[in-house]
Protein backbone atom coordinates (compact mmCIF):
# COMPACT_ATOMS: atom_id res chain seq x y z
CA MET A 1 0.00 0.00 0.00
CA ALA A 2 1.23 3.49 -0.81
CA SER A 3 -0.24 6.97 -0.48
CA GLY A 4 0.96 10.37 -1.57
CA PHE A 5 0.03 13.76 -0.20
CA SER A 6 0.71 17.43 -0.77
CA GLN A 7 0.99 20.09 1.88
CA ARG A 8 -1.45 22.81 0.93
CA LEU A 9 -2.82 25.98 2.43
CA ASP A 10 -6.22 25.48 4.09
CA LYS A 11 -7.91 28.77 3.19
CA SER A 12 -10.46 28.35 5.98
CA THR A 13 -7.80 28.27 8.74
CA GLY A 14 -4.67 29.75 7.18
CA SER A 15 -2.76 26.60 8.20
CA ILE A 16 -0.92 24.08 6.05
CA SER A 17 -2.67 20.71 5.84
CA ASP A 18 -1.76 17.34 4.36
CA ASP A 19 -4.12 16.60 1.45
CA TYR A 20 -3.89 13.01 0.27
CA LEU A 21 -4.05 12.96 -3.52
CA LEU A 22 -3.28 9.35 -4.37
CA SER A 23 -3.60 6.04 -2.57
CA LEU A 24 -3.13 2.56 -3.97
CA LYS A 25 -2.84 -1.08 -3.02
CA VAL A 26 0.04 -2.70 -4.86
CA PRO A 27 0.11 -6.49 -5.07
CA ARG A 28 3.69 -7.69 -5.50
CA ASP A 29 2.87 -9.95 -8.46
CA VAL A 30 1.30 -7.07 -10.41
CA PHE A 31 4.12 -4.65 -9.48
CA GLU A 32 6.75 -7.13 -10.66
CA LYS A 33 5.24 -7.12 -14.17
CA ILE A 34 6.38 -3.51 -14.73
CA ASP A 35 9.49 -3.53 -16.92
CA PHE A 36 11.77 -1.16 -15.01
CA ASP A 37 14.56 -1.77 -17.53
CA ASN A 38 12.34 0.08 -20.04
CA ILE A 39 10.73 2.54 -17.62
CA ASN A 40 10.83 5.31 -20.24
CA ARG A 41 8.22 3.31 -22.19
CA VAL A 42 5.85 3.00 -19.20
CA ASP A 43 2.92 5.44 -19.04
CA PRO A 44 2.54 6.32 -15.31
CA ILE A 45 -1.23 6.78 -15.54
CA GLU A 46 -1.67 3.43 -17.29
CA ALA A 47 0.68 1.72 -14.82
CA LEU A 48 -1.23 3.04 -11.80
CA SER A 49 -4.54 1.92 -13.28
CA ARG A 50 -3.37 -1.70 -12.81
CA PHE A 51 -3.69 -1.30 -9.03
CA ASP A 52 -6.59 -0.71 -6.64
CA LEU A 53 -6.40 3.07 -6.88
CA ARG A 54 -8.02 6.06 -5.20
CA ARG A 55 -7.48 9.31 -7.08
CA LYS A 56 -9.63 12.29 -8.06
CA MET A 57 -8.46 14.40 -10.95
CA THR A 58 -10.18 17.00 -13.05
CA SER A 59 -10.15 16.62 -16.84
CA THR A 60 -7.29 19.15 -16.86
CA GLY A 61 -5.15 17.05 -14.49
CA ILE A 62 -5.74 18.92 -11.21
CA PHE A 63 -5.64 16.55 -8.21
CA LYS A 64 -8.40 16.80 -5.61
CA PRO A 65 -8.08 15.47 -2.02
CA ILE A 66 -9.11 11.86 -1.34
CA GLU A 67 -9.50 9.57 1.66
CA PRO A 68 -6.46 7.23 1.56
CA PHE A 69 -6.53 3.49 2.13
CA ASN A 70 -5.66 2.90 5.78
CA ASP A 71 -6.17 -0.81 6.33
CA LEU A 72 -2.63 -1.95 7.09
């Protein structure tokens, strides 16, 4: 399991908050099928779609906050 966040300004409080933007469950057998010797030929969006993925993006590629997987 992996999650990524960005520290962003919360306009309602003026504080910096951690907004999770991406969370995925990565089974080893699926991960091992990625050809890292030819990583320049791997499309990151297509590669991530192989996993159980939580992500919200606008059609213009802007990430919106999500609730990450937390079942460790």
